[in-house]
Amino acid sequence: FIILVVDSIDRERLSITKEELYRMLAHEDLRKAAVLIFANKQDMKGCMTAAEISTYLTLSSIKDHPWHIQSCCALTGEG
């Protein structure tokens, strides 16, 4: 598994997150890995939704790995 926690407020760092995600997916040792993405800080005003993050990361283009994105809030345990 690849478990990735995304800060839903930090739009500037999302491009780095995308690069790193696709770098991991291309690694031979992770060719069969499933991907779980936590869209954290959903309780913050102005955060990106899980759908917006999914679109930015172009998750729908990932065909070789099962993936799921989950909205969450680490402070409250929701999601």
N, C-alpha and C. Protein backbone atom coordinates (compact mmCIF):
# COMPACT_ATOMS: atom_id res chain seq x y z
N PHE A 1 0.82 -1.19 0.00
CA PHE A 1 0.00 0.00 0.00
C PHE A 1 0.87 1.25 0.00
N ILE A 2 0.34 2.27 -0.64
CA ILE A 2 0.88 3.61 -0.51
C ILE A 2 -0.20 4.41 0.21
N ILE A 3 0.16 4.99 1.34
CA ILE A 3 -0.76 5.84 2.08
C ILE A 3 -0.18 7.25 2.05
N LEU A 4 -0.95 8.16 1.50
CA LEU A 4 -0.50 9.53 1.30
C LEU A 4 -1.47 10.47 2.01
N VAL A 5 -0.94 11.35 2.84
CA VAL A 5 -1.77 12.33 3.53
C VAL A 5 -1.53 13.69 2.87
N VAL A 6 -2.60 14.28 2.38
CA VAL A 6 -2.53 15.56 1.69
C VAL A 6 -3.12 16.64 2.58
N ASP A 7 -2.41 17.74 2.71
CA ASP A 7 -2.91 18.91 3.43
C ASP A 7 -3.86 19.64 2.48
N SER A 8 -5.13 19.59 2.77
CA SER A 8 -6.15 20.14 1.86
C SER A 8 -6.12 21.66 1.76
N ILE A 9 -5.36 22.31 2.61
CA ILE A 9 -5.22 23.77 2.57
C ILE A 9 -4.03 24.18 1.70
N ASP A 10 -3.00 23.37 1.66
CA ASP A 10 -1.72 23.73 1.05
C ASP A 10 -1.73 23.50 -0.47
N ARG A 11 -2.28 24.45 -1.20
CA ARG A 11 -2.35 24.35 -2.65
C ARG A 11 -0.97 24.41 -3.31
N GLU A 12 -0.06 25.16 -2.72
CA GLU A 12 1.27 25.33 -3.30
C GLU A 12 2.06 24.03 -3.33
N ARG A 13 1.90 23.20 -2.33
CA ARG A 13 2.67 21.97 -2.24
C ARG A 13 2.03 20.81 -3.02
N LEU A 14 0.83 21.00 -3.54
CA LEU A 14 0.13 19.92 -4.23
C LEU A 14 0.87 19.46 -5.48
N SER A 15 1.55 20.36 -6.16
CA SER A 15 2.30 19.95 -7.35
C SER A 15 3.46 19.02 -6.97
N ILE A 16 4.10 19.28 -5.84
CA ILE A 16 5.17 18.39 -5.36
C ILE A 16 4.58 17.03 -4.99
N THR A 17 3.43 17.05 -4.35
CA THR A 17 2.75 15.82 -3.97
C THR A 17 2.44 14.98 -5.21
N LYS A 18 1.97 15.63 -6.25
CA LYS A 18 1.65 14.92 -7.49
C LYS A 18 2.90 14.28 -8.09
N GLU A 19 3.98 15.02 -8.15
CA GLU A 19 5.23 14.48 -8.69
C GLU A 19 5.69 13.27 -7.90
N GLU A 20 5.66 13.38 -6.58
CA GLU A 20 6.11 12.28 -5.72
C GLU A 20 5.20 11.07 -5.84
N LEU A 21 3.90 11.28 -5.92
CA LEU A 21 2.96 10.17 -6.07
C LEU A 21 3.27 9.38 -7.34
N TYR A 22 3.41 10.07 -8.46
CA TYR A 22 3.65 9.37 -9.72
C TYR A 22 5.05 8.75 -9.77
N ARG A 23 5.99 9.33 -9.07
CA ARG A 23 7.32 8.73 -8.96
C ARG A 23 7.23 7.41 -8.19
N MET A 24 6.46 7.40 -7.11
CA MET A 24 6.29 6.17 -6.34
C MET A 24 5.57 5.10 -7.17
N LEU A 25 4.54 5.52 -7.89
CA LEU A 25 3.77 4.55 -8.69
C LEU A 25 4.60 3.93 -9.80
N ALA A 26 5.62 4.63 -10.25
CA ALA A 26 6.48 4.12 -11.32
C ALA A 26 7.57 3.18 -10.79
N HIS A 27 7.75 3.14 -9.48
CA HIS A 27 8.81 2.31 -8.90
C HIS A 27 8.44 0.83 -9.02
N GLU A 28 9.39 0.03 -9.42
CA GLU A 28 9.16 -1.40 -9.64
C GLU A 28 8.62 -2.11 -8.39
N ASP A 29 9.14 -1.77 -7.22
CA ASP A 29 8.71 -2.43 -5.99
C ASP A 29 7.27 -2.10 -5.61
N LEU A 30 6.71 -1.07 -6.19
CA LEU A 30 5.34 -0.66 -5.87
C LEU A 30 4.37 -0.89 -7.01
N ARG A 31 4.75 -1.71 -7.97
CA ARG A 31 3.92 -1.87 -9.17
C ARG A 31 2.55 -2.50 -8.88
N LYS A 32 2.42 -3.21 -7.76
CA LYS A 32 1.13 -3.81 -7.39
C LYS A 32 0.47 -3.11 -6.21
N ALA A 33 1.00 -1.98 -5.82
CA ALA A 33 0.51 -1.28 -4.62
C ALA A 33 -0.84 -0.61 -4.86
N ALA A 34 -1.70 -0.70 -3.87
CA ALA A 34 -2.93 0.08 -3.86
C ALA A 34 -2.61 1.43 -3.22
N VAL A 35 -3.42 2.43 -3.53
CA VAL A 35 -3.15 3.79 -3.06
C VAL A 35 -4.34 4.29 -2.24
N LEU A 36 -4.03 4.79 -1.05
CA LEU A 36 -5.02 5.43 -0.19
C LEU A 36 -4.54 6.85 0.07
N ILE A 37 -5.37 7.81 -0.28
CA ILE A 37 -5.02 9.21 -0.08
C ILE A 37 -5.99 9.81 0.93
N PHE A 38 -5.45 10.36 2.01
CA PHE A 38 -6.25 11.06 2.99
C PHE A 38 -6.18 12.55 2.68
N ALA A 39 -7.32 13.15 2.40
CA ALA A 39 -7.43 14.59 2.18
C ALA A 39 -7.69 15.21 3.55
N ASN A 40 -6.63 15.53 4.26
CA ASN A 40 -6.72 15.99 5.64
C ASN A 40 -7.09 17.47 5.73
N LYS A 41 -7.47 17.87 6.92
CA LYS A 41 -7.84 19.25 7.26
C LYS A 41 -9.12 19.70 6.56
N GLN A 42 -10.05 18.79 6.41
CA GLN A 42 -11.32 19.13 5.78
C GLN A 42 -12.18 20.05 6.65
N ASP A 43 -11.76 20.24 7.89
CA ASP A 43 -12.48 21.14 8.79
C ASP A 43 -12.08 22.60 8.61
N MET A 44 -11.05 22.86 7.82
CA MET A 44 -10.53 24.22 7.66
C MET A 44 -11.27 24.97 6.56
N LYS A 45 -11.53 26.24 6.83
CA LYS A 45 -12.20 27.08 5.85
C LYS A 45 -11.29 27.27 4.63
N GLY A 46 -11.86 27.12 3.44
CA GLY A 46 -11.11 27.31 2.20
C GLY A 46 -10.33 26.10 1.74
N CYS A 47 -10.54 24.97 2.38
CA CYS A 47 -9.79 23.78 1.97
C CYS A 47 -10.33 23.24 0.64
N MET A 48 -9.47 22.51 -0.05
CA MET A 48 -9.88 21.84 -1.28
C MET A 48 -10.66 20.59 -0.89
N THR A 49 -11.68 20.28 -1.64
CA THR A 49 -12.44 19.05 -1.39
C THR A 49 -11.64 17.86 -1.90
N ALA A 50 -12.04 16.68 -1.49
CA ALA A 50 -11.39 15.46 -1.99
C ALA A 50 -11.53 15.38 -3.51
N ALA A 51 -12.66 15.81 -4.04
CA ALA A 51 -12.86 15.79 -5.50
C ALA A 51 -11.90 16.74 -6.21
N GLU A 52 -11.69 17.92 -5.64
CA GLU A 52 -10.75 18.87 -6.23
C GLU A 52 -9.32 18.32 -6.21
N ILE A 53 -8.95 17.71 -5.10
CA ILE A 53 -7.61 17.13 -4.99
C ILE A 53 -7.47 15.98 -5.98
N SER A 54 -8.49 15.15 -6.09
CA SER A 54 -8.48 14.05 -7.05
C SER A 54 -8.28 14.54 -8.47
N THR A 55 -8.97 15.60 -8.82
CA THR A 55 -8.83 16.18 -10.16
C THR A 55 -7.43 16.72 -10.37
N TYR A 56 -6.91 17.46 -9.40
CA TYR A 56 -5.57 18.03 -9.54
C TYR A 56 -4.51 16.95 -9.67
N LEU A 57 -4.66 15.88 -8.90
CA LEU A 57 -3.69 14.78 -8.95
C LEU A 57 -3.94 13.83 -10.12
N THR A 58 -4.97 14.10 -10.90
CA THR A 58 -5.40 13.26 -12.03
C THR A 58 -5.47 11.78 -11.63
N LEU A 59 -6.14 11.53 -10.51
CA LEU A 59 -6.25 10.15 -10.02
C LEU A 59 -7.01 9.26 -11.00
N SER A 60 -7.95 9.82 -11.74
CA SER A 60 -8.72 9.00 -12.69
C SER A 60 -7.84 8.41 -13.79
N SER A 61 -6.64 8.94 -13.97
CA SER A 61 -5.73 8.39 -14.99
C SER A 61 -4.94 7.19 -14.46
N ILE A 62 -5.03 6.92 -13.18
CA ILE A 62 -4.31 5.77 -12.60
C ILE A 62 -5.12 4.52 -12.86
N LYS A 63 -4.63 3.70 -13.75
CA LYS A 63 -5.36 2.49 -14.16
C LYS A 63 -4.73 1.21 -13.62
N ASP A 64 -3.43 1.25 -13.29
CA ASP A 64 -2.71 0.05 -12.88
C ASP A 64 -2.72 -0.18 -11.37
N HIS A 65 -3.28 0.73 -10.62
CA HIS A 65 -3.31 0.64 -9.16
C HIS A 65 -4.71 0.98 -8.67
N PRO A 66 -5.28 0.14 -7.81
CA PRO A 66 -6.54 0.56 -7.19
C PRO A 66 -6.25 1.73 -6.25
N TRP A 67 -7.14 2.71 -6.24
CA TRP A 67 -6.91 3.89 -5.41
C TRP A 67 -8.23 4.37 -4.80
N HIS A 68 -8.09 5.09 -3.70
CA HIS A 68 -9.24 5.69 -3.03
C HIS A 68 -8.77 6.97 -2.37
N ILE A 69 -9.58 8.01 -2.44
CA ILE A 69 -9.29 9.25 -1.72
C ILE A 69 -10.37 9.43 -0.66
N GLN A 70 -9.95 9.78 0.55
CA GLN A 70 -10.87 9.89 1.69
C GLN A 70 -10.71 11.25 2.35
N SER A 71 -11.80 11.99 2.45
CA SER A 71 -11.79 13.24 3.23
C SER A 71 -11.63 12.89 4.69
N CYS A 72 -10.86 13.71 5.42
CA CYS A 72 -10.68 13.43 6.83
C CYS A 72 -10.26 14.67 7.59
N CYS A 73 -10.30 14.54 8.90
CA CYS A 73 -9.82 15.56 9.82
C CYS A 73 -9.10 14.84 10.95
N ALA A 74 -7.79 14.97 11.00
CA ALA A 74 -7.01 14.27 12.01
C ALA A 74 -7.34 14.72 13.43
N LEU A 75 -7.73 15.96 13.60
CA LEU A 75 -8.04 16.48 14.95
C LEU A 75 -9.27 15.83 15.55
N THR A 76 -10.28 15.58 14.72
CA THR A 76 -11.53 15.02 15.23
C THR A 76 -11.66 13.52 14.98
N GLY A 77 -10.85 12.99 14.07
CA GLY A 77 -10.93 11.57 13.73
C GLY A 77 -11.98 11.27 12.67
N GLU A 78 -12.64 12.30 12.15
CA GLU A 78 -13.63 12.08 11.09
C GLU A 78 -12.94 11.61 9.82
N GLY A 79 -13.61 10.71 9.12
CA GLY A 79 -13.08 10.23 7.85
C GLY A 79 -12.10 9.13 8.04
